[in-house]
Amino acid sequence: MVPKLVTIERHISETQRKFPQATGEFSALLNDIALAAKIISREVNKAGLVDVLGFTGETNVHGEQVQKLDEYADAIVFKALDHTGRLCVMASEEREDIIPIPEKFPSGKYALLYDPLDGSSNIDANVSIGTIFSIYRKISGGERGLLEDCLQKGVEQVAAGYVIYGSSTMLVFTTGNGVSGFTYDPSVGEFLLSHENIKIPKRGKIYSVNEGYYDRWDEGMKKYITHLKQSDKETNRPYSARYIGSLVADFHRNLLYGGIFLYPADEKNPKGKLRLMYEANPLGFIVEQAGGYASDGQRRVLEIEPEDIHQRTPLIIGSHDDVKEAEEFLQNKR
């Protein structure tokens, strides 16, 4: 029996038909992102064979060394989308300021924020890495996009997703109506629907955190991790520790199997380490659409009012009941 083959383009167009008022512009934008993902995937998969491994010698806005593939992925996303007339502005985790659409190209209705290659410090070790993106509607008044179009709460996102480059390349995204996953088949050059209507379990058995930072944590965080290691049949404890150190990879595993990822505030990073606009908000939107939850330890991530496009935040994300329980410990209620 021939299986049903649903490409990402078909899935997007069939979803669009449910909205008679849709112009197709948003659908085309998602297809543009899929194209950029294919090109980045090609380079990642042959990284050890060509001169794209290692550092460029430059540092980014965060003071981090820039990998050659970081620079390449950033340029590919921009070039795949700058001329389409669908975006009014872009912002990249690799660049200090917002990225205007070149004057020679038309301006559109949407703003795109992206982390071109999350986890890039793991490239040389052949660990799974990814691209994360977030889309907002234009809210400023002029023809061209402004900073305010990028500085919106996570609840205002109209789409978010990530691409994970691992043993296979997968694109996972949501437009606010559930979460779908597509696996790239290089033999036909298409992303094919492989994970329909992804739902994260209400509670998992995995926790993902860098325990090397234990001494930097506050007492609530220390108590929570100790709690996860204690036996309790009712809550399936003890939990298993699984930490890759690549946010997209850790998040993807927990999204499919259930669990919790934690990058809390600590003595060295009192405001957290991860980026609100490029990492926490898009993954928070995805996990909530799958039935999970994202918190900074005190409040829902998607409700945080952003003040800077490179704003940092603590992030506790994953299965709903696990994250809510972690909040209780971090708020010293347990």
C-alpha atoms as a PDB file:
ATOM      1  CA  MET A   1       0.000   0.000   0.000  1.00  0.00           C
ATOM      2  CA  VAL A   2       1.390   3.408  -0.966  1.00  0.00           C
ATOM      3  CA  PRO A   3       1.628   5.676   2.105  1.00  0.00           C
ATOM      4  CA  LYS A   4       0.050   9.098   2.119  1.00  0.00           C
ATOM      5  CA  LEU A   5       2.745  11.587   1.139  1.00  0.00           C
ATOM      6  CA  VAL A   6       2.259  15.047   2.557  1.00  0.00           C
ATOM      7  CA  THR A   7       4.946  17.581   1.758  1.00  0.00           C
ATOM      8  CA  ILE A   8       5.354  20.684   3.875  1.00  0.00           C
ATOM      9  CA  GLU A   9       4.090  22.765   0.947  1.00  0.00           C
ATOM     10  CA  ARG A  10       0.935  20.652   0.688  1.00  0.00           C
ATOM     11  CA  HIS A  11       0.372  20.789   4.445  1.00  0.00           C
ATOM     12  CA  ILE A  12       0.713  24.576   4.463  1.00  0.00           C
ATOM     13  CA  SER A  13      -1.607  25.041   1.464  1.00  0.00           C
ATOM     14  CA  GLU A  14      -4.257  22.692   2.908  1.00  0.00           C
ATOM     15  CA  THR A  15      -4.142  24.617   6.191  1.00  0.00           C
ATOM     16  CA  GLN A  16      -4.483  27.892   4.288  1.00  0.00           C
ATOM     17  CA  ARG A  17      -7.740  26.711   2.671  1.00  0.00           C
ATOM     18  CA  LYS A  18      -9.332  26.678   6.122  1.00  0.00           C
ATOM     19  CA  PHE A  19      -8.964  30.460   6.177  1.00  0.00           C
ATOM     20  CA  PRO A  20     -10.832  31.949   3.162  1.00  0.00           C
ATOM     21  CA  GLN A  21      -9.478  35.429   3.924  1.00  0.00           C
ATOM     22  CA  ALA A  22      -5.838  34.255   3.622  1.00  0.00           C
ATOM     23  CA  THR A  23      -3.806  35.833   0.815  1.00  0.00           C
ATOM     24  CA  GLY A  24      -1.120  33.141   0.646  1.00  0.00           C
ATOM     25  CA  GLU A  25       1.615  35.537   1.736  1.00  0.00           C
ATOM     26  CA  PHE A  26       2.072  33.864   5.120  1.00  0.00           C
ATOM     27  CA  SER A  27       2.101  30.395   3.528  1.00  0.00           C
ATOM     28  CA  ALA A  28       4.761  31.499   1.062  1.00  0.00           C
ATOM     29  CA  LEU A  29       6.864  32.835   3.952  1.00  0.00           C
ATOM     30  CA  LEU A  30       6.859  29.422   5.645  1.00  0.00           C
ATOM     31  CA  ASN A  31       7.903  27.790   2.375  1.00  0.00           C
ATOM     32  CA  ASP A  32      10.762  30.309   2.076  1.00  0.00           C
ATOM     33  CA  ILE A  33      11.992  29.280   5.524  1.00  0.00           C
ATOM     34  CA  ALA A  34      11.832  25.608   4.507  1.00  0.00           C
ATOM     35  CA  LEU A  35      14.019  26.400   1.498  1.00  0.00           C
ATOM     36  CA  ALA A  36      16.618  28.104   3.706  1.00  0.00           C
ATOM     37  CA  ALA A  37      16.566  25.047   5.995  1.00  0.00           C
ATOM     38  CA  LYS A  38      17.330  22.724   3.069  1.00  0.00           C
ATOM     39  CA  ILE A  39      20.356  24.781   2.061  1.00  0.00           C
ATOM     40  CA  ILE A  40      21.703  25.004   5.624  1.00  0.00           C
ATOM     41  CA  SER A  41      21.111  21.256   6.075  1.00  0.00           C
ATOM     42  CA  ARG A  42      23.205  20.536   2.987  1.00  0.00           C
ATOM     43  CA  GLU A  43      26.165  22.471   4.375  1.00  0.00           C
ATOM     44  CA  VAL A  44      25.840  21.032   7.891  1.00  0.00           C
ATOM     45  CA  ASN A  45      25.782  17.485   6.542  1.00  0.00           C
ATOM     46  CA  LYS A  46      29.027  17.940   4.637  1.00  0.00           C
ATOM     47  CA  ALA A  47      30.695  20.190   7.216  1.00  0.00           C
ATOM     48  CA  GLY A  48      33.605  17.822   7.816  1.00  0.00           C
ATOM     49  CA  LEU A  49      34.360  17.618   4.080  1.00  0.00           C
ATOM     50  CA  VAL A  50      34.589  21.328   3.269  1.00  0.00           C
ATOM     51  CA  ASP A  51      36.123  24.355   4.947  1.00  0.00           C
ATOM     52  CA  VAL A  52      33.157  25.380   7.098  1.00  0.00           C
ATOM     53  CA  LEU A  53      34.277  24.032  10.477  1.00  0.00           C
ATOM     54  CA  GLY A  54      35.966  26.174  13.109  1.00  0.00           C
ATOM     55  CA  PHE A  55      35.868  29.847  14.022  1.00  0.00           C
ATOM     56  CA  THR A  56      35.864  32.899  11.793  1.00  0.00           C
ATOM     57  CA  GLY A  57      38.039  34.873  14.222  1.00  0.00           C
ATOM     58  CA  GLU A  58      35.158  37.288  14.895  1.00  0.00           C
ATOM     59  CA  THR A  59      32.935  37.656  17.965  1.00  0.00           C
ATOM     60  CA  ASN A  60      29.186  38.331  17.920  1.00  0.00           C
ATOM     61  CA  VAL A  61      27.120  40.816  19.892  1.00  0.00           C
ATOM     62  CA  HIS A  62      27.182  38.481  22.922  1.00  0.00           C
ATOM     63  CA  GLY A  63      30.985  38.299  22.967  1.00  0.00           C
ATOM     64  CA  GLU A  64      30.940  34.725  21.684  1.00  0.00           C
ATOM     65  CA  GLN A  65      33.266  33.412  18.998  1.00  0.00           C
ATOM     66  CA  VAL A  66      31.509  33.109  15.640  1.00  0.00           C
ATOM     67  CA  GLN A  67      31.628  29.742  13.913  1.00  0.00           C
ATOM     68  CA  LYS A  68      31.973  29.673  10.125  1.00  0.00           C
ATOM     69  CA  LEU A  69      28.661  27.813   9.909  1.00  0.00           C
ATOM     70  CA  ASP A  70      26.996  30.466  12.126  1.00  0.00           C
ATOM     71  CA  GLU A  71      27.969  33.106   9.610  1.00  0.00           C
ATOM     72  CA  TYR A  72      26.902  30.956   6.657  1.00  0.00           C
ATOM     73  CA  ALA A  73      23.504  30.065   8.155  1.00  0.00           C
ATOM     74  CA  ASP A  74      22.815  33.692   9.072  1.00  0.00           C
ATOM     75  CA  ALA A  75      23.524  34.799   5.495  1.00  0.00           C
ATOM     76  CA  ILE A  76      21.382  32.024   3.975  1.00  0.00           C
ATOM     77  CA  VAL A  77      18.293  32.898   6.043  1.00  0.00           C
ATOM     78  CA  PHE A  78      18.661  36.561   5.152  1.00  0.00           C
ATOM     79  CA  LYS A  79      19.231  35.970   1.432  1.00  0.00           C
ATOM     80  CA  ALA A  80      16.352  33.491   1.186  1.00  0.00           C
ATOM     81  CA  LEU A  81      13.909  36.034   2.603  1.00  0.00           C
ATOM     82  CA  ASP A  82      15.121  39.593   2.001  1.00  0.00           C
ATOM     83  CA  HIS A  83      13.699  39.994  -1.523  1.00  0.00           C
ATOM     84  CA  THR A  84      10.328  38.283  -1.212  1.00  0.00           C
ATOM     85  CA  GLY A  85       8.196  41.262  -0.188  1.00  0.00           C
ATOM     86  CA  ARG A  86       6.782  39.228   2.698  1.00  0.00           C
ATOM     87  CA  LEU A  87       8.912  40.700   5.504  1.00  0.00           C
ATOM     88  CA  CYS A  88       9.160  44.254   6.812  1.00  0.00           C
ATOM     89  CA  VAL A  89      12.209  43.616   9.019  1.00  0.00           C
ATOM     90  CA  MET A  90      14.378  40.814  10.402  1.00  0.00           C
ATOM     91  CA  ALA A  91      16.467  40.315  13.544  1.00  0.00           C
ATOM     92  CA  SER A  92      19.176  37.710  14.060  1.00  0.00           C
ATOM     93  CA  GLU A  93      20.758  36.419  17.244  1.00  0.00           C
ATOM     94  CA  GLU A  94      24.096  36.978  15.505  1.00  0.00           C
ATOM     95  CA  ARG A  95      23.580  40.680  14.751  1.00  0.00           C
ATOM     96  CA  GLU A  96      23.493  43.618  17.145  1.00  0.00           C
ATOM     97  CA  ASP A  97      20.705  45.615  15.495  1.00  0.00           C
ATOM     98  CA  ILE A  98      17.546  44.822  13.550  1.00  0.00           C
ATOM     99  CA  ILE A  99      18.077  43.980   9.872  1.00  0.00           C
ATOM    100  CA  PRO A 100      16.190  46.289   7.493  1.00  0.00           C
ATOM    101  CA  ILE A 101      14.844  44.942   4.237  1.00  0.00           C
ATOM    102  CA  PRO A 102      17.016  46.440   1.462  1.00  0.00           C
ATOM    103  CA  GLU A 103      15.391  49.495  -0.125  1.00  0.00           C
ATOM    104  CA  LYS A 104      15.485  47.886  -3.578  1.00  0.00           C
ATOM    105  CA  PHE A 105      13.042  45.200  -2.364  1.00  0.00           C
ATOM    106  CA  PRO A 106       9.382  45.593  -1.301  1.00  0.00           C
ATOM    107  CA  SER A 107       8.381  45.500   2.369  1.00  0.00           C
ATOM    108  CA  GLY A 108       5.789  43.066   3.724  1.00  0.00           C
ATOM    109  CA  LYS A 109       3.461  42.382   6.642  1.00  0.00           C
ATOM    110  CA  TYR A 110       5.650  40.213   8.869  1.00  0.00           C
ATOM    111  CA  ALA A 111       8.754  40.408  11.068  1.00  0.00           C
ATOM    112  CA  LEU A 112      11.125  37.447  11.347  1.00  0.00           C
ATOM    113  CA  LEU A 113      13.430  36.786  14.289  1.00  0.00           C
ATOM    114  CA  TYR A 114      15.860  33.893  14.067  1.00  0.00           C
ATOM    115  CA  ASP A 115      18.779  32.091  15.657  1.00  0.00           C
ATOM    116  CA  PRO A 116      20.559  30.833  12.532  1.00  0.00           C
ATOM    117  CA  LEU A 117      22.492  28.000  14.175  1.00  0.00           C
ATOM    118  CA  ASP A 118      21.686  27.266  17.805  1.00  0.00           C
ATOM    119  CA  GLY A 119      24.219  25.043  19.575  1.00  0.00           C
ATOM    120  CA  SER A 120      26.970  25.927  17.124  1.00  0.00           C
ATOM    121  CA  SER A 121      29.682  25.367  19.743  1.00  0.00           C
ATOM    122  CA  ASN A 122      28.919  21.651  19.263  1.00  0.00           C
ATOM    123  CA  ILE A 123      29.482  21.657  15.488  1.00  0.00           C
ATOM    124  CA  ASP A 124      33.022  20.281  15.568  1.00  0.00           C
ATOM    125  CA  ALA A 125      31.864  17.373  17.785  1.00  0.00           C
ATOM    126  CA  ASN A 126      29.103  16.398  15.310  1.00  0.00           C
ATOM    127  CA  VAL A 127      26.358  17.027  17.882  1.00  0.00           C
ATOM    128  CA  SER A 128      22.841  17.898  16.679  1.00  0.00           C
ATOM    129  CA  ILE A 129      22.309  21.636  16.197  1.00  0.00           C
ATOM    130  CA  GLY A 130      19.419  23.698  14.873  1.00  0.00           C
ATOM    131  CA  THR A 131      17.826  26.833  13.475  1.00  0.00           C
ATOM    132  CA  ILE A 132      15.064  28.554  15.491  1.00  0.00           C
ATOM    133  CA  PHE A 133      12.627  31.112  14.072  1.00  0.00           C
ATOM    134  CA  SER A 134       9.738  33.283  15.182  1.00  0.00           C
ATOM    135  CA  ILE A 135       7.246  35.312  13.122  1.00  0.00           C
ATOM    136  CA  TYR A 136       5.215  38.366  14.206  1.00  0.00           C
ATOM    137  CA  ARG A 137       2.785  40.633  12.375  1.00  0.00           C
ATOM    138  CA  LYS A 138       3.962  44.139  11.543  1.00  0.00           C
ATOM    139  CA  ILE A 139       2.534  46.631  14.043  1.00  0.00           C
ATOM    140  CA  SER A 140       4.408  49.838  13.156  1.00  0.00           C
ATOM    141  CA  GLY A 141       2.821  52.468  10.932  1.00  0.00           C
ATOM    142  CA  GLY A 142       5.356  53.177   8.201  1.00  0.00           C
ATOM    143  CA  GLU A 143       6.125  51.215   5.056  1.00  0.00           C
ATOM    144  CA  ARG A 144       9.304  49.670   6.483  1.00  0.00           C
ATOM    145  CA  GLY A 145       9.619  47.680   9.682  1.00  0.00           C
ATOM    146  CA  LEU A 146      10.964  49.087  12.934  1.00  0.00           C
ATOM    147  CA  LEU A 147      12.356  47.805  16.222  1.00  0.00           C
ATOM    148  CA  GLU A 148       8.843  47.744  17.719  1.00  0.00           C
ATOM    149  CA  ASP A 149       7.828  45.090  15.189  1.00  0.00           C
ATOM    150  CA  CYS A 150      10.467  42.808  16.692  1.00  0.00           C
ATOM    151  CA  LEU A 151       9.895  43.734  20.338  1.00  0.00           C
ATOM    152  CA  GLN A 152       6.577  41.996  20.891  1.00  0.00           C
ATOM    153  CA  LYS A 153       5.500  39.560  23.597  1.00  0.00           C
ATOM    154  CA  GLY A 154       5.694  35.876  22.772  1.00  0.00           C
ATOM    155  CA  VAL A 155       1.899  35.611  22.875  1.00  0.00           C
ATOM    156  CA  GLU A 156       1.819  37.786  19.736  1.00  0.00           C
ATOM    157  CA  GLN A 157       3.692  35.256  17.605  1.00  0.00           C
ATOM    158  CA  VAL A 158       1.825  34.021  14.541  1.00  0.00           C
ATOM    159  CA  ALA A 159       4.274  31.181  13.904  1.00  0.00           C
ATOM    160  CA  ALA A 160       7.385  29.652  15.390  1.00  0.00           C
ATOM    161  CA  GLY A 161       9.533  26.672  14.621  1.00  0.00           C
ATOM    162  CA  TYR A 162      12.909  25.049  14.580  1.00  0.00           C
ATOM    163  CA  VAL A 163      14.978  22.868  12.308  1.00  0.00           C
ATOM    164  CA  ILE A 164      17.135  20.180  13.900  1.00  0.00           C
ATOM    165  CA  TYR A 165      20.121  18.911  11.939  1.00  0.00           C
ATOM    166  CA  GLY A 166      20.857  15.456  13.312  1.00  0.00           C
ATOM    167  CA  SER A 167      20.748  11.873  12.041  1.00  0.00           C
ATOM    168  CA  SER A 168      17.984  13.310   9.868  1.00  0.00           C
ATOM    169  CA  THR A 169      16.889  16.900   9.342  1.00  0.00           C
ATOM    170  CA  MET A 170      13.503  17.788  10.817  1.00  0.00           C
ATOM    171  CA  LEU A 171      11.461  20.982  10.657  1.00  0.00           C
ATOM    172  CA  VAL A 172       8.940  21.407  13.480  1.00  0.00           C
ATOM    173  CA  PHE A 173       6.589  24.381  13.553  1.00  0.00           C
ATOM    174  CA  THR A 174       3.288  25.788  14.733  1.00  0.00           C
ATOM    175  CA  THR A 175       0.997  28.511  13.427  1.00  0.00           C
ATOM    176  CA  GLY A 176      -1.135  28.429  16.563  1.00  0.00           C
ATOM    177  CA  ASN A 177      -3.134  25.332  15.595  1.00  0.00           C
ATOM    178  CA  GLY A 178      -1.051  22.481  16.950  1.00  0.00           C
ATOM    179  CA  VAL A 179       2.490  21.346  16.174  1.00  0.00           C
ATOM    180  CA  SER A 180       3.629  19.414  13.100  1.00  0.00           C
ATOM    181  CA  GLY A 181       6.989  17.824  12.298  1.00  0.00           C
ATOM    182  CA  PHE A 182       8.465  17.213   8.850  1.00  0.00           C
ATOM    183  CA  THR A 183      11.473  15.054   8.049  1.00  0.00           C
ATOM    184  CA  TYR A 184      13.656  15.990   5.104  1.00  0.00           C
ATOM    185  CA  ASP A 185      14.060  13.335   2.419  1.00  0.00           C
ATOM    186  CA  PRO A 186      17.163  14.356   0.450  1.00  0.00           C
ATOM    187  CA  SER A 187      16.436  11.800  -2.275  1.00  0.00           C
ATOM    188  CA  VAL A 188      13.369  13.784  -3.354  1.00  0.00           C
ATOM    189  CA  GLY A 189      14.359  17.157  -1.912  1.00  0.00           C
ATOM    190  CA  GLU A 190      11.217  17.539   0.193  1.00  0.00           C
ATOM    191  CA  PHE A 191      10.189  17.886   3.815  1.00  0.00           C
ATOM    192  CA  LEU A 192       7.574  15.152   4.382  1.00  0.00           C
ATOM    193  CA  LEU A 193       5.058  15.072   7.227  1.00  0.00           C
ATOM    194  CA  SER A 194       6.368  12.546   9.751  1.00  0.00           C
ATOM    195  CA  HIS A 195       4.981  13.784  13.091  1.00  0.00           C
ATOM    196  CA  GLU A 196       1.360  14.920  12.943  1.00  0.00           C
ATOM    197  CA  ASN A 197      -0.197  16.878  15.818  1.00  0.00           C
ATOM    198  CA  ILE A 198       2.690  16.457  18.276  1.00  0.00           C
ATOM    199  CA  LYS A 199       1.621  16.330  21.925  1.00  0.00           C
ATOM    200  CA  ILE A 200       4.076  16.401  24.810  1.00  0.00           C
ATOM    201  CA  PRO A 201       3.168  14.136  27.763  1.00  0.00           C
ATOM    202  CA  LYS A 202       1.807  16.001  30.806  1.00  0.00           C
ATOM    203  CA  ARG A 203       4.698  14.621  32.843  1.00  0.00           C
ATOM    204  CA  GLY A 204       7.941  13.026  31.741  1.00  0.00           C
ATOM    205  CA  LYS A 205      10.822  11.020  33.213  1.00  0.00           C
ATOM    206  CA  ILE A 206      13.724  13.100  31.889  1.00  0.00           C
ATOM    207  CA  TYR A 207      15.370  16.250  33.194  1.00  0.00           C
ATOM    208  CA  SER A 208      17.912  18.230  31.188  1.00  0.00           C
ATOM    209  CA  VAL A 209      20.189  20.677  32.986  1.00  0.00           C
ATOM    210  CA  ASN A 210      23.904  21.433  33.288  1.00  0.00           C
ATOM    211  CA  GLU A 211      24.553  20.149  36.808  1.00  0.00           C
ATOM    212  CA  GLY A 212      28.092  21.501  36.624  1.00  0.00           C
ATOM    213  CA  TYR A 213      26.524  24.810  37.673  1.00  0.00           C
ATOM    214  CA  TYR A 214      24.964  23.331  40.835  1.00  0.00           C
ATOM    215  CA  ASP A 215      26.980  25.523  43.220  1.00  0.00           C
ATOM    216  CA  ARG A 216      25.742  28.673  41.432  1.00  0.00           C
ATOM    217  CA  TRP A 217      22.041  27.836  41.875  1.00  0.00           C
ATOM    218  CA  ASP A 218      19.734  29.156  44.570  1.00  0.00           C
ATOM    219  CA  GLU A 219      18.294  26.798  47.169  1.00  0.00           C
ATOM    220  CA  GLY A 220      14.967  26.336  45.362  1.00  0.00           C
ATOM    221  CA  MET A 221      16.699  25.039  42.245  1.00  0.00           C
ATOM    222  CA  LYS A 222      18.979  22.754  44.251  1.00  0.00           C
ATOM    223  CA  LYS A 223      15.977  21.313  46.122  1.00  0.00           C
ATOM    224  CA  TYR A 224      14.112  20.676  42.855  1.00  0.00           C
ATOM    225  CA  ILE A 225      16.939  18.684  41.276  1.00  0.00           C
ATOM    226  CA  THR A 226      17.377  16.706  44.506  1.00  0.00           C
ATOM    227  CA  HIS A 227      13.619  16.061  44.444  1.00  0.00           C
ATOM    228  CA  LEU A 228      13.831  14.621  40.916  1.00  0.00           C
ATOM    229  CA  LYS A 229      16.490  12.143  42.033  1.00  0.00           C
ATOM    230  CA  GLN A 230      14.424  10.771  44.913  1.00  0.00           C
ATOM    231  CA  SER A 231      12.307   7.644  44.416  1.00  0.00           C
ATOM    232  CA  ASP A 232       8.524   8.019  44.246  1.00  0.00           C
ATOM    233  CA  LYS A 233       6.358   5.520  42.348  1.00  0.00           C
ATOM    234  CA  GLU A 234       3.396   7.907  42.042  1.00  0.00           C
ATOM    235  CA  THR A 235       5.392  10.481  40.061  1.00  0.00           C
ATOM    236  CA  ASN A 236       7.754   8.011  38.320  1.00  0.00           C
ATOM    237  CA  ARG A 237      10.783   9.320  40.163  1.00  0.00           C
ATOM    238  CA  PRO A 238      13.730   9.159  40.100  1.00  0.00           C
ATOM    239  CA  TYR A 239      14.015  10.960  36.758  1.00  0.00           C
ATOM    240  CA  SER A 240      16.805  10.212  34.296  1.00  0.00           C
ATOM    241  CA  ALA A 241      19.335  12.945  33.504  1.00  0.00           C
ATOM    242  CA  ARG A 242      19.756  13.611  29.768  1.00  0.00           C
ATOM    243  CA  TYR A 243      21.727  16.710  28.769  1.00  0.00           C
ATOM    244  CA  ILE A 244      23.179  17.234  25.299  1.00  0.00           C
ATOM    245  CA  GLY A 245      24.089  20.895  25.716  1.00  0.00           C
ATOM    246  CA  SER A 246      22.412  21.843  22.444  1.00  0.00           C
ATOM    247  CA  LEU A 247      19.087  23.548  23.242  1.00  0.00           C
ATOM    248  CA  VAL A 248      17.271  22.438  20.094  1.00  0.00           C
ATOM    249  CA  ALA A 249      18.361  18.818  20.571  1.00  0.00           C
ATOM    250  CA  ASP A 250      17.427  18.719  24.268  1.00  0.00           C
ATOM    251  CA  PHE A 251      14.099  20.432  23.596  1.00  0.00           C
ATOM    252  CA  HIS A 252      13.252  18.172  20.636  1.00  0.00           C
ATOM    253  CA  ARG A 253      13.804  14.983  22.632  1.00  0.00           C
ATOM    254  CA  ASN A 254      11.688  16.205  25.536  1.00  0.00           C
ATOM    255  CA  LEU A 255       8.936  17.446  23.198  1.00  0.00           C
ATOM    256  CA  LEU A 256       8.558  13.936  21.797  1.00  0.00           C
ATOM    257  CA  TYR A 257       9.056  11.901  24.974  1.00  0.00           C
ATOM    258  CA  GLY A 258       8.182  14.265  27.803  1.00  0.00           C
ATOM    259  CA  GLY A 259      10.489  15.874  30.330  1.00  0.00           C
ATOM    260  CA  ILE A 260      11.850  19.207  31.458  1.00  0.00           C
ATOM    261  CA  PHE A 261      14.725  21.414  30.328  1.00  0.00           C
ATOM    262  CA  LEU A 262      16.126  23.943  32.780  1.00  0.00           C
ATOM    263  CA  TYR A 263      18.542  26.830  32.312  1.00  0.00           C
ATOM    264  CA  PRO A 264      17.826  28.831  35.473  1.00  0.00           C
ATOM    265  CA  ALA A 265      19.248  32.091  36.696  1.00  0.00           C
ATOM    266  CA  ASP A 266      22.390  31.669  38.804  1.00  0.00           C
ATOM    267  CA  GLU A 267      25.085  33.707  40.540  1.00  0.00           C
ATOM    268  CA  LYS A 268      26.962  34.332  37.288  1.00  0.00           C
ATOM    269  CA  ASN A 269      23.854  34.954  35.155  1.00  0.00           C
ATOM    270  CA  PRO A 270      21.209  36.513  37.447  1.00  0.00           C
ATOM    271  CA  LYS A 271      19.080  37.446  34.428  1.00  0.00           C
ATOM    272  CA  GLY A 272      19.480  34.038  32.806  1.00  0.00           C
ATOM    273  CA  LYS A 273      21.557  33.014  29.808  1.00  0.00           C
ATOM    274  CA  LEU A 274      19.197  32.133  26.966  1.00  0.00           C
ATOM    275  CA  ARG A 275      17.732  34.736  24.620  1.00  0.00           C
ATOM    276  CA  LEU A 276      14.075  35.613  25.094  1.00  0.00           C
ATOM    277  CA  MET A 277      13.327  36.575  21.494  1.00  0.00           C
ATOM    278  CA  TYR A 278      15.388  33.975  19.627  1.00  0.00           C
ATOM    279  CA  GLU A 279      15.095  30.905  21.862  1.00  0.00           C
ATOM    280  CA  ALA A 280      12.635  31.117  24.767  1.00  0.00           C
ATOM    281  CA  ASN A 281       9.659  32.696  22.962  1.00  0.00           C
ATOM    282  CA  PRO A 282       9.607  30.490  19.840  1.00  0.00           C
ATOM    283  CA  LEU A 283      10.181  27.277  21.791  1.00  0.00           C
ATOM    284  CA  GLY A 284       7.665  28.440  24.403  1.00  0.00           C
ATOM    285  CA  PHE A 285       5.018  28.942  21.702  1.00  0.00           C
ATOM    286  CA  ILE A 286       5.731  25.496  20.281  1.00  0.00           C
ATOM    287  CA  VAL A 287       5.643  23.687  23.618  1.00  0.00           C
ATOM    288  CA  GLU A 288       2.375  25.368  24.669  1.00  0.00           C
ATOM    289  CA  GLN A 289       0.760  24.407  21.365  1.00  0.00           C
ATOM    290  CA  ALA A 290       1.827  20.825  22.123  1.00  0.00           C
ATOM    291  CA  GLY A 291       0.268  20.945  25.608  1.00  0.00           C
ATOM    292  CA  GLY A 292       3.383  21.869  27.595  1.00  0.00           C
ATOM    293  CA  TYR A 293       4.495  25.012  29.377  1.00  0.00           C
ATOM    294  CA  ALA A 294       7.399  27.489  29.440  1.00  0.00           C
ATOM    295  CA  SER A 295       8.366  29.610  32.446  1.00  0.00           C
ATOM    296  CA  ASP A 296      11.240  31.780  33.629  1.00  0.00           C
ATOM    297  CA  GLY A 297      10.705  30.246  37.055  1.00  0.00           C
ATOM    298  CA  GLN A 298       8.333  32.984  38.164  1.00  0.00           C
ATOM    299  CA  ARG A 299       5.950  33.588  35.263  1.00  0.00           C
ATOM    300  CA  ARG A 300       4.881  32.418  31.833  1.00  0.00           C
ATOM    301  CA  VAL A 301       7.633  33.171  29.319  1.00  0.00           C
ATOM    302  CA  LEU A 302       5.208  34.244  26.581  1.00  0.00           C
ATOM    303  CA  GLU A 303       3.885  37.065  28.810  1.00  0.00           C
ATOM    304  CA  ILE A 304       7.271  38.738  29.355  1.00  0.00           C
ATOM    305  CA  GLU A 305       7.402  42.287  27.983  1.00  0.00           C
ATOM    306  CA  PRO A 306      10.634  42.497  25.945  1.00  0.00           C
ATOM    307  CA  GLU A 307      12.857  45.552  26.290  1.00  0.00           C
ATOM    308  CA  ASP A 308      15.743  44.531  24.047  1.00  0.00           C
ATOM    309  CA  ILE A 309      16.046  42.157  21.088  1.00  0.00           C
ATOM    310  CA  HIS A 310      18.965  40.426  22.826  1.00  0.00           C
ATOM    311  CA  GLN A 311      17.285  40.233  26.235  1.00  0.00           C
ATOM    312  CA  ARG A 312      18.209  37.185  28.287  1.00  0.00           C
ATOM    313  CA  THR A 313      15.928  35.079  30.438  1.00  0.00           C
ATOM    314  CA  PRO A 314      15.957  31.978  32.629  1.00  0.00           C
ATOM    315  CA  LEU A 315      14.085  29.147  30.898  1.00  0.00           C
ATOM    316  CA  ILE A 316      12.190  26.207  32.377  1.00  0.00           C
ATOM    317  CA  ILE A 317      10.364  24.378  29.573  1.00  0.00           C
ATOM    318  CA  GLY A 318       8.751  21.043  28.821  1.00  0.00           C
ATOM    319  CA  SER A 319       5.938  18.873  30.163  1.00  0.00           C
ATOM    320  CA  HIS A 320       3.221  20.984  31.800  1.00  0.00           C
ATOM    321  CA  ASP A 321       3.120  19.311  35.220  1.00  0.00           C
ATOM    322  CA  ASP A 322       6.919  19.134  35.476  1.00  0.00           C
ATOM    323  CA  VAL A 323       7.378  22.847  34.754  1.00  0.00           C
ATOM    324  CA  LYS A 324       4.594  23.844  37.163  1.00  0.00           C
ATOM    325  CA  GLU A 325       6.213  21.713  39.867  1.00  0.00           C
ATOM    326  CA  ALA A 326       9.606  23.315  39.181  1.00  0.00           C
ATOM    327  CA  GLU A 327       8.001  26.763  39.537  1.00  0.00           C
ATOM    328  CA  GLU A 328       6.824  25.840  43.039  1.00  0.00           C
ATOM    329  CA  PHE A 329      10.369  25.019  44.101  1.00  0.00           C
ATOM    330  CA  LEU A 330      11.845  28.126  42.451  1.00  0.00           C
ATOM    331  CA  GLN A 331       9.231  30.305  44.134  1.00  0.00           C
ATOM    332  CA  ASN A 332      10.083  28.659  47.479  1.00  0.00           C
ATOM    333  CA  LYS A 333       6.600  27.190  47.868  1.00  0.00           C
ATOM    334  CA  ARG A 334       7.985  23.699  48.530  1.00  0.00           C
END
